[in-house]
N, C-alpha and C. Protein backbone atom coordinates (compact mmCIF):
# COMPACT_ATOMS: atom_id res chain seq x y z
N MET A 1 120.37 57.50 95.13
CA MET A 1 119.64 56.95 94.02
C MET A 1 120.57 55.99 93.28
N PRO A 2 120.13 55.00 92.66
CA PRO A 2 118.80 54.75 92.11
C PRO A 2 117.89 53.95 93.03
N HIS A 3 116.61 54.01 92.70
CA HIS A 3 115.64 53.13 93.32
C HIS A 3 115.19 52.15 92.25
N PHE A 4 115.24 50.87 92.60
CA PHE A 4 114.77 49.81 91.71
C PHE A 4 113.40 49.38 92.21
N ILE A 5 112.38 49.58 91.40
CA ILE A 5 111.01 49.24 91.78
C ILE A 5 110.51 48.20 90.78
N LEU A 6 110.37 46.98 91.25
CA LEU A 6 109.99 45.87 90.39
C LEU A 6 108.55 45.48 90.67
N GLU A 7 107.76 45.39 89.62
CA GLU A 7 106.40 44.87 89.70
C GLU A 7 106.37 43.57 88.93
N HIS A 8 105.64 42.59 89.47
CA HIS A 8 105.53 41.33 88.73
C HIS A 8 104.16 40.72 88.92
N SER A 9 103.76 39.93 87.95
CA SER A 9 102.47 39.27 88.02
C SER A 9 102.47 38.25 89.13
N GLY A 10 101.30 38.06 89.73
CA GLY A 10 101.16 37.18 90.88
C GLY A 10 101.41 35.72 90.60
N ASN A 11 101.48 35.32 89.34
CA ASN A 11 101.78 33.93 89.03
C ASN A 11 103.29 33.65 89.02
N LEU A 12 104.08 34.66 89.31
CA LEU A 12 105.53 34.49 89.47
C LEU A 12 105.85 34.67 90.94
N THR A 13 106.41 33.66 91.55
CA THR A 13 106.72 33.73 92.97
C THR A 13 108.05 34.43 93.21
N ASN A 14 108.23 34.92 94.42
CA ASN A 14 109.51 35.52 94.78
C ASN A 14 110.64 34.51 94.62
N GLU A 15 110.34 33.24 94.91
CA GLU A 15 111.35 32.20 94.78
C GLU A 15 111.72 31.96 93.32
N SER A 16 110.73 31.86 92.44
CA SER A 16 111.04 31.62 91.03
C SER A 16 111.77 32.82 90.42
N LEU A 17 111.47 34.00 90.92
CA LEU A 17 112.14 35.20 90.44
C LEU A 17 113.52 35.39 91.07
N ASP A 18 113.78 34.73 92.20
CA ASP A 18 115.02 34.91 92.94
C ASP A 18 115.33 36.39 93.09
N LEU A 19 114.42 37.07 93.77
CA LEU A 19 114.54 38.53 93.89
C LEU A 19 115.81 38.95 94.61
N ASP A 20 116.23 38.19 95.61
CA ASP A 20 117.47 38.54 96.30
C ASP A 20 118.65 38.49 95.32
N GLY A 21 118.70 37.44 94.52
CA GLY A 21 119.77 37.33 93.53
C GLY A 21 119.72 38.44 92.50
N LEU A 22 118.50 38.76 92.04
CA LEU A 22 118.34 39.83 91.06
C LEU A 22 118.76 41.17 91.65
N PHE A 23 118.29 41.47 92.85
CA PHE A 23 118.64 42.76 93.45
C PHE A 23 120.14 42.85 93.74
N THR A 24 120.74 41.77 94.16
CA THR A 24 122.19 41.78 94.39
C THR A 24 122.94 42.11 93.10
N ARG A 25 122.54 41.48 92.03
CA ARG A 25 123.21 41.73 90.74
C ARG A 25 122.95 43.14 90.24
N LEU A 26 121.71 43.62 90.36
CA LEU A 26 121.42 44.99 89.93
C LEU A 26 122.24 46.00 90.72
N ILE A 27 122.35 45.79 92.04
CA ILE A 27 123.14 46.70 92.86
C ILE A 27 124.61 46.66 92.44
N ASP A 28 125.15 45.46 92.26
CA ASP A 28 126.55 45.33 91.86
C ASP A 28 126.82 46.04 90.53
N GLU A 29 125.93 45.84 89.57
CA GLU A 29 126.12 46.46 88.26
C GLU A 29 125.92 47.97 88.32
N ALA A 30 124.95 48.42 89.12
CA ALA A 30 124.73 49.86 89.25
C ALA A 30 125.96 50.54 89.84
N VAL A 31 126.49 49.97 90.92
CA VAL A 31 127.69 50.53 91.53
C VAL A 31 128.86 50.45 90.55
N GLY A 32 128.93 49.36 89.80
CA GLY A 32 130.01 49.18 88.83
C GLY A 32 130.03 50.20 87.70
N THR A 33 128.91 50.85 87.45
CA THR A 33 128.90 51.90 86.42
C THR A 33 129.71 53.11 86.84
N GLY A 34 129.91 53.25 88.17
CA GLY A 34 130.65 54.39 88.67
C GLY A 34 129.81 55.65 88.81
N ILE A 35 128.52 55.58 88.52
CA ILE A 35 127.70 56.78 88.59
C ILE A 35 126.62 56.71 89.67
N PHE A 36 126.54 55.57 90.37
CA PHE A 36 125.54 55.42 91.42
C PHE A 36 126.21 55.03 92.73
N PRO A 37 125.99 55.78 93.80
CA PRO A 37 126.58 55.44 95.10
C PRO A 37 125.79 54.32 95.78
N LEU A 38 126.49 53.39 96.37
CA LEU A 38 125.86 52.25 97.05
C LEU A 38 124.86 52.72 98.10
N ALA A 39 125.21 53.73 98.87
CA ALA A 39 124.35 54.18 99.96
C ALA A 39 123.02 54.76 99.48
N GLY A 40 122.92 55.09 98.21
CA GLY A 40 121.69 55.67 97.70
C GLY A 40 120.75 54.65 97.07
N ILE A 41 121.16 53.40 96.98
CA ILE A 41 120.37 52.40 96.25
C ILE A 41 119.29 51.80 97.15
N ARG A 42 118.10 51.67 96.60
CA ARG A 42 116.97 51.02 97.26
C ARG A 42 116.34 50.05 96.26
N CYS A 43 115.94 48.90 96.74
CA CYS A 43 115.27 47.91 95.90
C CYS A 43 113.98 47.48 96.58
N ARG A 44 112.94 47.32 95.80
CA ARG A 44 111.69 46.79 96.33
C ARG A 44 110.91 46.12 95.21
N ALA A 45 110.07 45.19 95.62
CA ALA A 45 109.26 44.44 94.66
C ALA A 45 107.81 44.45 95.09
N HIS A 46 106.94 44.51 94.11
CA HIS A 46 105.50 44.49 94.34
C HIS A 46 104.91 43.33 93.54
N ASN A 47 104.30 42.42 94.24
CA ASN A 47 103.61 41.29 93.63
C ASN A 47 102.20 41.77 93.28
N CYS A 48 101.85 41.75 92.02
CA CYS A 48 100.53 42.18 91.58
C CYS A 48 99.61 40.97 91.56
N GLU A 49 98.86 40.83 92.64
CA GLU A 49 97.97 39.68 92.79
C GLU A 49 96.91 39.66 91.70
N TYR A 50 96.38 40.81 91.37
CA TYR A 50 95.36 40.90 90.33
C TYR A 50 96.00 41.47 89.07
N PHE A 51 95.97 40.69 88.01
CA PHE A 51 96.61 41.09 86.76
C PHE A 51 95.97 40.34 85.60
N ARG A 52 96.19 40.81 84.43
CA ARG A 52 95.80 40.11 83.20
C ARG A 52 96.85 40.47 82.16
N VAL A 53 97.36 39.46 81.49
CA VAL A 53 98.34 39.68 80.44
C VAL A 53 97.75 39.16 79.13
N ALA A 54 97.80 40.00 78.12
CA ALA A 54 97.34 39.65 76.77
C ALA A 54 95.92 39.08 76.80
N ASP A 55 95.75 37.83 76.38
CA ASP A 55 94.40 37.23 76.29
C ASP A 55 93.95 36.58 77.59
N GLY A 56 94.73 36.74 78.65
CA GLY A 56 94.35 36.19 79.94
C GLY A 56 94.81 34.77 80.19
N THR A 57 95.64 34.23 79.32
CA THR A 57 96.20 32.89 79.55
C THR A 57 96.83 32.87 80.94
N PRO A 58 96.42 31.94 81.80
CA PRO A 58 96.86 31.97 83.20
C PRO A 58 98.37 31.89 83.41
N THR A 59 99.10 31.30 82.48
CA THR A 59 100.54 31.18 82.67
C THR A 59 101.31 32.38 82.14
N PHE A 60 100.65 33.28 81.42
CA PHE A 60 101.33 34.48 80.96
C PHE A 60 101.64 35.36 82.16
N GLY A 61 102.83 35.92 82.18
CA GLY A 61 103.23 36.78 83.28
C GLY A 61 103.94 38.02 82.79
N PHE A 62 104.27 38.88 83.74
CA PHE A 62 105.03 40.08 83.40
C PHE A 62 105.97 40.45 84.53
N VAL A 63 107.03 41.12 84.15
CA VAL A 63 107.96 41.75 85.09
C VAL A 63 108.28 43.12 84.53
N HIS A 64 108.11 44.13 85.36
CA HIS A 64 108.43 45.50 84.95
C HIS A 64 109.40 46.08 85.98
N LEU A 65 110.52 46.57 85.51
CA LEU A 65 111.50 47.21 86.39
C LEU A 65 111.55 48.70 86.07
N HIS A 66 111.24 49.50 87.07
CA HIS A 66 111.33 50.95 86.94
C HIS A 66 112.53 51.40 87.77
N VAL A 67 113.47 52.03 87.13
CA VAL A 67 114.66 52.54 87.81
C VAL A 67 114.54 54.06 87.85
N ARG A 68 114.48 54.59 89.04
CA ARG A 68 114.37 56.04 89.23
C ARG A 68 115.72 56.54 89.72
N ILE A 69 116.25 57.54 89.04
CA ILE A 69 117.56 58.07 89.39
C ILE A 69 117.48 59.57 89.65
N GLY A 70 118.43 60.05 90.41
CA GLY A 70 118.54 61.49 90.64
C GLY A 70 119.06 62.18 89.39
N SER A 71 118.87 63.47 89.33
CA SER A 71 119.30 64.23 88.17
C SER A 71 120.80 64.45 88.19
N GLY A 72 121.34 64.82 87.04
CA GLY A 72 122.74 65.20 86.97
C GLY A 72 123.62 64.30 86.12
N ARG A 73 123.08 63.21 85.62
CA ARG A 73 123.90 62.32 84.78
C ARG A 73 123.70 62.68 83.31
N THR A 74 124.72 62.44 82.51
CA THR A 74 124.63 62.75 81.09
C THR A 74 123.72 61.73 80.40
N GLU A 75 123.25 62.08 79.21
CA GLU A 75 122.43 61.16 78.43
C GLU A 75 123.22 59.88 78.13
N GLU A 76 124.49 60.01 77.86
CA GLU A 76 125.33 58.84 77.59
C GLU A 76 125.42 57.93 78.81
N GLN A 77 125.60 58.52 79.99
CA GLN A 77 125.66 57.73 81.22
C GLN A 77 124.33 57.01 81.46
N LYS A 78 123.23 57.72 81.26
CA LYS A 78 121.92 57.12 81.48
C LYS A 78 121.66 55.99 80.48
N ALA A 79 122.00 56.21 79.22
CA ALA A 79 121.79 55.19 78.20
C ALA A 79 122.64 53.95 78.48
N SER A 80 123.88 54.17 78.85
CA SER A 80 124.78 53.05 79.14
C SER A 80 124.28 52.26 80.35
N ALA A 81 123.91 52.96 81.41
CA ALA A 81 123.41 52.29 82.61
C ALA A 81 122.13 51.53 82.31
N ALA A 82 121.23 52.12 81.54
CA ALA A 82 119.97 51.46 81.21
C ALA A 82 120.21 50.17 80.44
N LYS A 83 121.13 50.18 79.50
CA LYS A 83 121.44 48.96 78.74
C LYS A 83 122.00 47.87 79.64
N VAL A 84 122.90 48.24 80.53
CA VAL A 84 123.50 47.27 81.46
C VAL A 84 122.43 46.67 82.36
N LEU A 85 121.59 47.52 82.94
CA LEU A 85 120.59 47.05 83.89
C LEU A 85 119.50 46.22 83.21
N PHE A 86 119.10 46.59 81.99
CA PHE A 86 118.11 45.78 81.28
C PHE A 86 118.71 44.43 80.91
N ALA A 87 119.98 44.39 80.56
CA ALA A 87 120.64 43.12 80.26
C ALA A 87 120.66 42.22 81.49
N VAL A 88 120.92 42.78 82.66
CA VAL A 88 120.88 42.01 83.91
C VAL A 88 119.49 41.43 84.10
N LEU A 89 118.47 42.24 83.93
CA LEU A 89 117.09 41.80 84.12
C LEU A 89 116.73 40.67 83.16
N THR A 90 116.98 40.85 81.88
CA THR A 90 116.58 39.83 80.91
C THR A 90 117.39 38.55 81.07
N GLU A 91 118.66 38.67 81.40
CA GLU A 91 119.47 37.47 81.63
C GLU A 91 118.96 36.72 82.86
N HIS A 92 118.65 37.46 83.89
CA HIS A 92 118.18 36.84 85.14
C HIS A 92 116.86 36.10 84.92
N LEU A 93 116.02 36.62 84.06
CA LEU A 93 114.71 36.03 83.81
C LEU A 93 114.68 35.04 82.66
N SER A 94 115.82 34.73 82.09
CA SER A 94 115.86 33.93 80.86
C SER A 94 115.22 32.55 81.02
N ALA A 95 115.39 31.89 82.14
CA ALA A 95 114.79 30.55 82.31
C ALA A 95 113.26 30.63 82.33
N ILE A 96 112.73 31.63 83.00
CA ILE A 96 111.27 31.82 83.01
C ILE A 96 110.79 32.19 81.61
N TYR A 97 111.53 33.06 80.95
CA TYR A 97 111.17 33.51 79.60
C TYR A 97 111.10 32.34 78.63
N GLU A 98 112.00 31.39 78.79
CA GLU A 98 112.03 30.22 77.90
C GLU A 98 110.93 29.22 78.22
N SER A 99 110.34 29.28 79.40
CA SER A 99 109.38 28.25 79.81
C SER A 99 107.91 28.69 79.79
N GLN A 100 107.65 29.99 79.63
CA GLN A 100 106.27 30.45 79.63
C GLN A 100 106.19 31.82 78.96
N GLY A 101 104.97 32.25 78.66
CA GLY A 101 104.78 33.59 78.12
C GLY A 101 105.14 34.62 79.17
N LEU A 102 106.03 35.53 78.83
CA LEU A 102 106.51 36.51 79.79
C LEU A 102 106.79 37.84 79.10
N ALA A 103 106.21 38.90 79.60
CA ALA A 103 106.48 40.25 79.11
C ALA A 103 107.43 40.92 80.09
N ILE A 104 108.60 41.32 79.60
CA ILE A 104 109.60 41.99 80.41
C ILE A 104 109.69 43.43 79.93
N SER A 105 109.55 44.36 80.85
CA SER A 105 109.68 45.77 80.47
C SER A 105 110.57 46.49 81.48
N PHE A 106 111.10 47.62 81.03
CA PHE A 106 112.10 48.36 81.81
C PHE A 106 111.96 49.83 81.46
N GLU A 107 112.12 50.67 82.46
CA GLU A 107 112.22 52.10 82.20
C GLU A 107 113.16 52.73 83.21
N LEU A 108 113.91 53.68 82.75
CA LEU A 108 114.79 54.46 83.60
C LEU A 108 114.31 55.90 83.50
N THR A 109 113.97 56.48 84.64
CA THR A 109 113.51 57.86 84.64
C THR A 109 114.33 58.67 85.63
N GLU A 110 114.49 59.92 85.27
CA GLU A 110 115.25 60.85 86.10
C GLU A 110 114.28 61.70 86.91
N LEU A 111 114.53 61.79 88.20
CA LEU A 111 113.70 62.61 89.07
C LEU A 111 114.01 64.09 88.85
N PRO A 112 113.07 64.94 89.18
CA PRO A 112 113.33 66.38 89.05
C PRO A 112 114.44 66.83 89.99
N VAL A 113 115.00 67.97 89.68
CA VAL A 113 116.08 68.52 90.50
C VAL A 113 115.60 68.80 91.92
N HIS A 114 114.37 69.22 92.07
CA HIS A 114 113.85 69.61 93.38
C HIS A 114 113.18 68.44 94.08
N LYS A 115 113.99 67.52 94.51
CA LYS A 115 113.53 66.41 95.32
C LYS A 115 114.39 66.41 96.58
N PHE A 116 113.87 65.81 97.62
CA PHE A 116 114.58 65.86 98.89
C PHE A 116 114.69 64.46 99.48
N ASN A 117 115.80 64.19 100.09
CA ASN A 117 115.98 62.94 100.82
C ASN A 117 117.06 63.15 101.88
N GLN A 118 117.06 62.25 102.83
CA GLN A 118 118.06 62.30 103.89
C GLN A 118 118.34 60.88 104.31
N ASN A 119 119.60 60.52 104.46
CA ASN A 119 119.93 59.22 105.02
C ASN A 119 121.30 59.28 105.67
N ASN A 120 121.51 58.36 106.59
CA ASN A 120 122.80 58.26 107.26
C ASN A 120 123.51 56.95 106.92
N LEU A 121 123.13 56.35 105.82
CA LEU A 121 123.67 55.04 105.46
C LEU A 121 125.17 55.08 105.17
N ARG A 122 125.66 56.16 104.63
CA ARG A 122 127.10 56.24 104.37
C ARG A 122 127.90 56.09 105.67
N ASP A 123 127.39 56.67 106.74
CA ASP A 123 128.05 56.55 108.04
C ASP A 123 128.10 55.08 108.47
N TYR A 124 126.97 54.39 108.32
CA TYR A 124 126.92 52.98 108.73
C TYR A 124 127.75 52.09 107.80
N LEU A 125 127.77 52.38 106.52
CA LEU A 125 128.57 51.60 105.58
C LEU A 125 130.06 51.76 105.85
N ALA A 126 130.45 52.92 106.36
CA ALA A 126 131.86 53.19 106.64
C ALA A 126 132.38 52.44 107.86
N LYS A 127 131.48 51.96 108.71
CA LYS A 127 131.90 51.28 109.95
C LYS A 127 132.38 49.88 109.68
């Protein structure tokens, strides 16, 4: 963990969002906190083709980043990581934010203790 799940309005293209650049920076910053292992990170984006923002102005858009993390981190660690990751998101979107109506939202949630996963990515990363 963490999993970065980004939803965005269909009037924002993957190119204008530079999702690869955003995900690279989010991963770098998450690993840099010292509390998230690289092998546990997953990123994905969902383009919401059907959406309405506020009064329906066609140029209004939204980006929502949901960060799901495993349990076991302190409240201080979670708060610090959330601030860092939200700063990455808002900085990355600043040009779009300055040019059109844009709602940016973020949430960090902790998964329950009883969740299960399996991966062999650490083995492949070590090669």
